[in-house]
Amino acid sequence: MDLQELRNRIDTLDDQLLNILNERMELVQKVGDLKRSSQSIIYRPEREKQILDRLEKRNNGLLTRKAIDAIFFEIFAVSRNLELPERIAYLGPEGSFSHQAAESRFGGMSEYLVLPTIHSVFESVETGRAKFGVVPIENNQEGIVIETVDFLRDKDLSIVAEVLLEVHFTFASQSDTLRNIRRIYSKDIAFRQCGKFLNEYLDGMGIELIPVESTAKAAKLASQEVDSAAICSSISASLFGVPILFDNIEDSNQNRTRFLILAKDFVNVKSDDDKTTIIANLPNTNRPGVLYEFLKDFNDRGINLTKIDSRPLRGEAAFRTWFLVEFLGHVEDAPVKEIMHKYGTHLKWLGSYVRVS
C-alpha cells in the first residue's frame, strides 16, 4: 500500500469517526433533555471513569490509557457543552498549569474565566459566576498550596474531582543559540525545579535569572525579547509563539501537581474507587491523645488515611490547630458515616470524588 492509499484509508476512517461522533452527540442531547427535566447534574466524573475503565479493558490496539483518556476527556467536554454550556474559572494567567488542568477535563470548547488569585476562583464559584473552579492543592516536590487549603475551610464549596497533572518545563527562546541569551524569565519555583539543567547547560555564562509571577508571564516576556528565554510550560510557549529549544528540563520526571475541581452544592454518586476530603476541628487538641484517638477511629474501621496536614487556628492565643484529612472511601460508606456522626460539627465534609492520585 503506497502513501496515497494510506492517506485515502485514513480519510475514510475520519469520515466514519465523524459520523459516529455526531451519532453520539445526538444521544448526548437526549440525555441532556432528560437531565434537565429531572434537574440532574450534567458533570458526572464517576460515569466518565466507568467509560474510560471499560474502554481500557476492551482496548487491544496501539492506544495507551493516557491517550484514551486525552481523546475521550475532550469528547466528554464537547458532550457536556451540548447538554448545558458551563463556565469554568481557573487560576491564571492563560497558559498556566491550572489552565492546562482545566482544559484536560473541560476541553477547548468551554467558556473560561481566567482569574488572578485562588481567592477569586473560590469567590467566582461561590457567587455563581462560574459553575466550576480549578485550583492547585499540592505539588509532590513542594508540598501543599496553603492558600487553597485555608479557603477550603473558610468557604462553602464542594470538591467535585481531582486532576493529577505531570509537570514538565520547557526552555523556550527566540534565539537559536544559548550564547546569545542574556536573561531567563520564570517563576521562582520553576528555577528551583530545573536547577540541574541550569547548572549543566548554562553555568558560567553570566545569564541573569529573573523571577516573575508566572511561567506564562515568562513566555510572554521571552516572546518580546530576542536575547531572553523562558522556563515555562509547553502550552505557554505555544500560546506566545516562542520556539522550544529543550523539553522536559525539570530535575525530576516524577514532578506532579494535583488540582481540585470545585463547585457549589455538588454531591458525587459513589464509584468503586473514591476518595474523601474533610476538615477536622478537633475539640481540646491540647489534651494528650486527642489526635491519636481520632486517627485510631479510622484504623479501627479499616479506613485508609492518605493525607493529614495541620494548619494554625487563627484568632486564638493558644497554639491550636485544625487538620485537612483525606482518606479512601465515600461519605455514604457505613464506616465513614460512623465517624462523621461521632464527631458531628467538629468535621466539615468537603467532598467524595473519584480517586486519581
Protein backbone atom coordinates (compact mmCIF):
# COMPACT_ATOMS: atom_id res chain seq x y z
CA MET A 1 0.00 0.00 0.00
CA ASP A 2 1.57 3.30 -1.09
CA LEU A 3 1.38 6.68 0.71
CA GLN A 4 -1.67 7.93 -1.18
CA GLU A 5 -3.56 4.71 -0.50
CA LEU A 6 -2.75 5.02 3.22
CA ARG A 7 -3.98 8.62 3.24
CA ASN A 8 -7.19 7.61 1.46
CA ARG A 9 -7.77 4.92 4.06
CA ILE A 10 -7.21 7.46 6.87
CA ASP A 11 -9.69 9.84 5.21
CA THR A 12 -12.28 7.06 5.08
CA LEU A 13 -11.79 6.30 8.78
CA ASP A 14 -12.00 10.02 9.64
CA ASP A 15 -15.35 10.18 7.82
CA GLN A 16 -16.58 7.21 9.82
CA LEU A 17 -15.35 8.77 13.07
CA LEU A 18 -17.19 12.00 12.28
CA ASN A 19 -20.44 10.13 11.62
CA ILE A 20 -20.07 8.10 14.82
CA LEU A 21 -19.30 11.19 16.90
CA ASN A 22 -22.34 13.01 15.51
CA GLU A 23 -24.46 9.98 16.35
CA ARG A 24 -23.03 10.03 19.89
CA MET A 25 -23.83 13.73 20.25
CA GLU A 26 -27.44 13.12 19.22
CA LEU A 27 -27.74 10.63 22.09
CA VAL A 28 -25.99 13.10 24.41
CA GLN A 29 -28.59 15.74 23.59
CA LYS A 30 -31.35 13.32 24.53
CA VAL A 31 -29.57 12.55 27.81
CA GLY A 32 -29.28 16.29 28.43
CA ASP A 33 -33.03 16.76 27.87
CA LEU A 34 -33.75 14.02 30.43
CA LYS A 35 -31.30 15.52 32.94
CA ARG A 36 -32.77 18.99 32.61
CA SER A 37 -36.31 17.69 33.07
CA SER A 38 -35.26 15.92 36.27
CA GLN A 39 -32.79 18.68 37.30
CA SER A 40 -29.96 16.13 37.34
CA ILE A 41 -26.27 17.14 37.38
CA ILE A 42 -24.56 17.23 33.98
CA TYR A 43 -20.96 16.61 35.12
CA ARG A 44 -20.54 13.04 36.39
CA PRO A 45 -16.86 12.19 36.97
CA GLU A 46 -17.69 8.68 38.21
CA ARG A 47 -19.57 7.92 34.96
CA GLU A 48 -16.61 9.19 32.91
CA LYS A 49 -14.27 6.91 34.88
CA GLN A 50 -16.56 3.93 34.23
CA ILE A 51 -16.40 4.62 30.49
CA LEU A 52 -12.61 5.00 30.49
CA ASP A 53 -12.07 1.85 32.55
CA ARG A 54 -14.35 -0.13 30.23
CA LEU A 55 -12.55 1.15 27.11
CA GLU A 56 -9.15 0.28 28.59
CA LYS A 57 -10.28 -3.32 29.14
CA ARG A 58 -11.57 -3.56 25.57
CA ASN A 59 -8.50 -1.94 24.03
CA ASN A 60 -6.20 -4.23 22.05
CA GLY A 61 -4.54 -1.64 19.81
CA LEU A 62 -1.75 0.94 19.93
CA LEU A 63 -3.56 3.48 22.10
CA THR A 64 -2.29 3.73 25.69
CA ARG A 65 -4.58 4.52 28.63
CA LYS A 66 -3.13 8.03 28.68
CA ALA A 67 -4.03 8.51 25.00
CA ILE A 68 -7.53 7.09 25.51
CA ASP A 69 -8.07 9.47 28.43
CA ALA A 70 -6.90 12.50 26.41
CA ILE A 71 -9.18 11.71 23.45
CA PHE A 72 -12.27 10.86 25.46
CA PHE A 73 -11.96 13.68 28.00
CA GLU A 74 -12.23 16.04 25.02
CA ILE A 75 -15.27 14.11 23.75
CA PHE A 76 -16.83 14.28 27.23
CA ALA A 77 -16.21 18.05 27.34
CA VAL A 78 -17.84 18.61 23.95
CA SER A 79 -20.76 16.44 25.07
CA ARG A 80 -21.28 18.44 28.27
CA ASN A 81 -21.29 21.68 26.32
CA LEU A 82 -24.04 20.30 24.10
CA GLU A 83 -26.03 19.27 27.18
CA LEU A 84 -25.54 22.51 29.08
CA PRO A 85 -22.78 25.07 28.41
CA GLU A 86 -20.92 25.85 31.63
CA ARG A 87 -18.37 28.48 32.68
CA ILE A 88 -15.12 27.31 34.27
CA ALA A 89 -12.87 29.52 36.43
CA TYR A 90 -9.19 28.75 36.88
CA LEU A 91 -6.13 30.33 38.44
CA GLY A 92 -4.47 32.29 35.65
CA PRO A 93 -2.82 33.54 33.72
CA GLU A 94 -3.73 31.91 30.43
CA GLY A 95 -1.14 29.28 29.66
CA SER A 96 -0.59 28.33 33.31
CA PHE A 97 -0.58 24.75 34.57
CA SER A 98 -4.03 25.46 36.06
CA HIS A 99 -5.17 26.33 32.54
CA GLN A 100 -3.75 23.02 31.33
CA ALA A 101 -5.50 21.12 34.13
CA ALA A 102 -8.82 22.84 33.38
CA GLU A 103 -8.66 22.06 29.66
CA SER A 104 -7.72 18.45 30.37
CA ARG A 105 -11.17 17.95 31.93
CA PHE A 106 -13.37 20.61 30.34
CA GLY A 107 -11.84 20.77 26.86
CA GLY A 108 -11.17 23.57 24.46
CA MET A 109 -14.83 24.49 23.85
CA SER A 110 -15.78 25.50 27.37
CA GLU A 111 -16.08 29.13 28.42
CA TYR A 112 -13.27 30.01 30.83
CA LEU A 113 -12.75 32.73 33.40
CA VAL A 114 -9.04 33.45 33.84
CA LEU A 115 -8.64 34.81 37.37
CA PRO A 116 -5.61 36.31 39.15
CA THR A 117 -5.85 34.64 42.59
CA ILE A 118 -7.02 31.45 44.25
CA HIS A 119 -9.41 33.57 46.31
CA SER A 120 -11.05 34.95 43.16
CA VAL A 121 -11.59 31.42 41.83
CA PHE A 122 -13.33 30.40 45.06
CA GLU A 123 -15.39 33.59 45.01
CA SER A 124 -16.49 33.16 41.38
CA VAL A 125 -17.86 29.69 42.12
CA GLU A 126 -19.37 30.75 45.45
CA THR A 127 -21.28 33.64 43.79
CA GLY A 128 -22.37 31.57 40.79
CA ARG A 129 -20.35 33.50 38.23
CA ALA A 130 -18.71 30.17 37.35
CA LYS A 131 -20.12 26.66 37.65
CA PHE A 132 -16.75 25.05 38.39
CA GLY A 133 -13.37 26.27 39.64
CA VAL A 134 -9.93 24.71 39.16
CA VAL A 135 -7.20 25.37 41.75
CA PRO A 136 -3.90 23.67 42.71
CA ILE A 137 -3.89 21.82 46.03
CA GLU A 138 -0.39 20.29 46.19
CA ASN A 139 2.82 19.53 44.35
CA ASN A 140 4.71 16.36 45.18
CA GLN A 141 8.03 18.25 45.22
CA GLU A 142 6.96 21.43 47.04
CA GLY A 143 4.04 20.33 49.25
CA ILE A 144 0.54 21.75 49.80
CA VAL A 145 -0.79 25.05 48.49
CA ILE A 146 -1.61 26.76 51.78
CA GLU A 147 -4.00 29.34 50.30
CA THR A 148 -6.17 26.62 48.73
CA VAL A 149 -6.28 24.62 51.95
CA ASP A 150 -7.29 27.67 54.02
CA PHE A 151 -10.09 28.62 51.63
CA LEU A 152 -11.39 25.04 51.66
CA ARG A 153 -12.01 25.55 55.37
CA ASP A 154 -13.38 29.07 55.14
CA LYS A 155 -15.58 28.79 52.04
CA ASP A 156 -18.64 26.63 51.48
CA LEU A 157 -17.71 24.76 48.30
CA SER A 158 -17.53 21.08 47.41
CA ILE A 159 -14.73 19.09 45.79
CA VAL A 160 -16.09 17.56 42.59
CA ALA A 161 -12.96 15.86 41.28
CA GLU A 162 -9.18 15.86 41.36
CA VAL A 163 -6.79 16.19 38.43
CA LEU A 164 -3.23 14.89 38.56
CA LEU A 165 -1.01 16.76 36.11
CA GLU A 166 2.51 15.80 35.13
CA VAL A 167 4.54 18.99 35.36
CA HIS A 168 7.02 19.39 32.53
CA PHE A 169 9.06 22.52 31.90
CA THR A 170 10.46 23.64 28.57
CA PHE A 171 13.28 26.04 27.74
CA ALA A 172 11.91 28.43 25.12
CA SER A 173 13.60 31.28 23.30
CA GLN A 174 13.55 33.17 20.02
CA SER A 175 17.33 32.81 19.98
CA ASP A 176 18.59 29.66 18.27
CA THR A 177 21.77 29.53 20.35
CA LEU A 178 22.40 29.67 24.09
CA ARG A 179 25.38 32.03 23.59
CA ASN A 180 23.06 34.90 22.67
CA ILE A 181 20.79 34.58 25.71
CA ARG A 182 21.29 37.23 28.40
CA ARG A 183 18.36 36.62 30.75
CA ILE A 184 15.90 33.86 31.64
CA TYR A 185 12.44 34.51 33.00
CA SER A 186 10.43 32.08 35.09
CA LYS A 187 8.59 31.56 38.34
CA ASP A 188 10.89 31.05 41.35
CA ILE A 189 9.59 27.52 41.91
CA ALA A 190 10.43 26.62 38.30
CA PHE A 191 14.02 27.80 38.73
CA ARG A 192 14.31 25.52 41.78
CA GLN A 193 12.82 22.54 39.95
CA CYS A 194 15.11 22.95 36.92
CA GLY A 195 18.38 23.50 38.82
CA LYS A 196 20.26 20.62 37.20
CA PHE A 197 19.56 21.87 33.69
CA LEU A 198 20.63 25.41 34.59
CA ASN A 199 23.88 24.16 36.15
CA GLU A 200 24.76 21.74 33.35
CA TYR A 201 23.86 23.88 30.34
CA LEU A 202 24.20 27.50 31.47
CA ASP A 203 26.70 27.57 34.34
CA GLY A 204 29.35 30.25 33.94
CA MET A 205 27.62 32.04 31.07
CA GLY A 206 26.59 35.03 33.20
CA ILE A 207 22.92 34.71 32.34
CA GLU A 208 20.57 36.60 34.68
CA LEU A 209 17.70 34.60 36.22
CA ILE A 210 14.69 36.88 36.64
CA PRO A 211 11.73 35.61 38.74
CA VAL A 212 8.26 36.65 37.53
CA GLU A 213 4.77 35.88 38.83
CA SER A 214 4.05 33.00 36.44
CA THR A 215 5.64 30.82 33.77
CA ALA A 216 3.07 32.21 31.32
CA LYS A 217 4.37 35.74 32.01
CA ALA A 218 7.88 34.39 31.43
CA ALA A 219 6.88 33.07 28.00
CA LYS A 220 5.24 36.40 27.11
CA LEU A 221 8.41 38.32 28.02
CA ALA A 222 10.60 35.88 26.08
CA SER A 223 8.39 36.40 23.03
CA GLN A 224 9.22 40.13 23.13
CA GLU A 225 13.00 39.92 23.64
CA VAL A 226 15.28 38.08 21.23
CA ASP A 227 18.13 37.74 23.75
CA SER A 228 15.96 36.23 26.51
CA ALA A 229 14.43 32.84 27.31
CA ALA A 230 11.71 31.37 29.46
CA ILE A 231 11.37 28.28 31.57
CA CYS A 232 7.69 27.58 31.10
CA SER A 233 5.05 25.01 30.17
CA SER A 234 4.70 23.87 26.57
CA ILE A 235 1.21 25.39 26.47
CA SER A 236 2.66 28.80 27.42
CA ALA A 237 5.39 28.57 24.78
CA SER A 238 2.80 27.66 22.16
CA LEU A 239 0.40 30.38 23.29
CA PHE A 240 3.01 33.14 22.86
CA GLY A 241 4.76 31.62 19.86
CA VAL A 242 8.17 31.06 21.48
CA PRO A 243 10.20 28.20 19.94
CA ILE A 244 11.12 25.39 22.33
CA LEU A 245 14.86 24.67 22.43
CA PHE A 246 14.76 21.99 25.15
CA ASP A 247 11.86 19.98 26.51
CA ASN A 248 11.34 18.22 29.87
CA ILE A 249 14.15 20.08 31.64
CA GLU A 250 12.82 19.54 35.18
CA ASP A 251 15.09 17.78 37.71
CA SER A 252 12.58 15.05 38.47
CA ASN A 253 10.48 13.17 35.94
CA GLN A 254 8.10 12.41 38.81
CA ASN A 255 7.04 16.04 39.24
CA ARG A 256 3.26 16.12 39.68
CA THR A 257 0.76 18.79 40.69
CA ARG A 258 -2.68 17.90 41.96
CA PHE A 259 -5.61 20.17 41.21
CA LEU A 260 -9.13 20.25 42.61
CA ILE A 261 -12.32 20.94 40.68
CA LEU A 262 -14.72 22.86 42.91
CA ALA A 263 -18.46 23.52 42.71
CA LYS A 264 -21.30 24.66 44.95
CA ASP A 265 -23.70 22.12 46.46
CA PHE A 266 -22.31 19.20 44.46
CA VAL A 267 -22.52 15.54 45.56
CA ASN A 268 -20.97 12.73 43.54
CA VAL A 269 -22.56 9.33 43.18
CA LYS A 270 -20.41 6.53 44.65
CA SER A 271 -17.93 4.84 42.35
CA ASP A 272 -15.83 1.76 43.04
CA ASP A 273 -12.76 3.87 43.89
CA ASP A 274 -13.46 7.06 45.84
CA LYS A 275 -11.53 9.49 47.99
CA THR A 276 -13.00 11.81 50.64
CA THR A 277 -11.63 15.09 51.99
CA ILE A 278 -12.70 16.61 55.32
CA ILE A 279 -11.69 19.41 57.66
CA ALA A 280 -11.25 18.33 61.29
CA ASN A 281 -11.60 20.93 64.07
CA LEU A 282 -10.99 18.52 66.93
CA PRO A 283 -12.10 19.53 70.45
CA ASN A 284 -9.43 20.01 73.10
CA THR A 285 -6.49 19.44 70.76
CA ASN A 286 -4.10 20.31 73.59
CA ARG A 287 -5.28 17.28 75.56
CA PRO A 288 -2.88 14.33 75.22
CA GLY A 289 -4.22 11.59 72.94
CA VAL A 290 -6.91 13.57 71.09
CA LEU A 291 -5.31 13.23 67.64
CA TYR A 292 -4.33 9.61 68.36
CA GLU A 293 -7.92 8.74 69.25
CA PHE A 294 -9.20 10.42 66.10
CA LEU A 295 -6.78 8.54 63.85
CA LYS A 296 -7.47 5.29 65.69
CA ASP A 297 -11.15 5.61 64.77
CA PHE A 298 -10.15 5.36 61.11
CA ASN A 299 -7.80 2.44 61.75
CA ASP A 300 -10.41 0.54 63.76
CA ARG A 301 -12.87 0.83 60.84
CA GLY A 302 -10.35 -0.17 58.17
CA ILE A 303 -10.31 3.26 56.51
CA ASN A 304 -7.04 4.09 54.78
CA LEU A 305 -5.86 7.64 55.52
CA THR A 306 -3.90 9.16 52.61
CA LYS A 307 -3.16 12.65 53.93
CA ILE A 308 -3.28 14.70 57.11
CA ASP A 309 -1.98 18.27 57.21
CA SER A 310 -2.24 20.69 60.13
CA ARG A 311 -2.97 24.40 59.93
CA PRO A 312 -2.99 27.02 62.71
CA LEU A 313 -6.35 28.05 64.13
CA ARG A 314 -6.15 31.80 63.67
CA GLY A 315 -7.70 34.24 66.10
CA GLU A 316 -6.77 32.29 69.23
CA ALA A 317 -3.96 32.95 71.69
CA ALA A 318 -3.32 29.23 72.23
CA PHE A 319 -1.36 27.22 69.68
CA ARG A 320 -4.33 25.21 68.41
CA THR A 321 -4.60 23.58 65.01
CA TRP A 322 -7.13 22.18 62.58
CA PHE A 323 -6.49 19.41 60.06
CA LEU A 324 -7.05 18.68 56.40
CA VAL A 325 -7.71 14.94 56.23
CA GLU A 326 -8.07 12.69 53.18
CA PHE A 327 -8.94 9.02 53.09
CA LEU A 328 -10.16 6.32 50.73
CA GLY A 329 -13.91 5.81 50.64
CA HIS A 330 -17.17 7.70 50.15
CA VAL A 331 -19.17 9.68 52.68
CA GLU A 332 -22.05 7.24 52.15
CA ASP A 333 -19.93 4.25 53.26
CA ALA A 334 -21.11 2.93 56.62
CA PRO A 335 -17.71 3.22 58.41
CA VAL A 336 -17.32 6.81 57.19
CA LYS A 337 -20.85 7.64 58.32
CA GLU A 338 -19.98 6.37 61.81
CA ILE A 339 -17.01 8.74 62.11
CA MET A 340 -18.91 11.72 60.69
CA HIS A 341 -21.72 11.08 63.18
CA LYS A 342 -19.35 10.59 66.12
CA TYR A 343 -17.56 13.93 65.66
CA GLY A 344 -20.57 15.87 64.37
CA THR A 345 -19.93 19.58 63.87
CA HIS A 346 -16.20 19.12 64.52
CA LEU A 347 -15.88 17.70 60.99
CA LYS A 348 -16.60 19.50 57.72
CA TRP A 349 -17.14 17.26 54.71
CA LEU A 350 -15.63 18.79 51.57
CA GLY A 351 -16.38 16.09 49.04
CA SER A 352 -16.20 12.47 47.98
CA TYR A 353 -14.92 12.01 44.45
CA VAL A 354 -13.27 9.56 42.08
CA ARG A 355 -9.71 8.89 43.20
CA VAL A 356 -6.96 9.74 40.74
CA SER A 357 -3.89 10.05 42.99
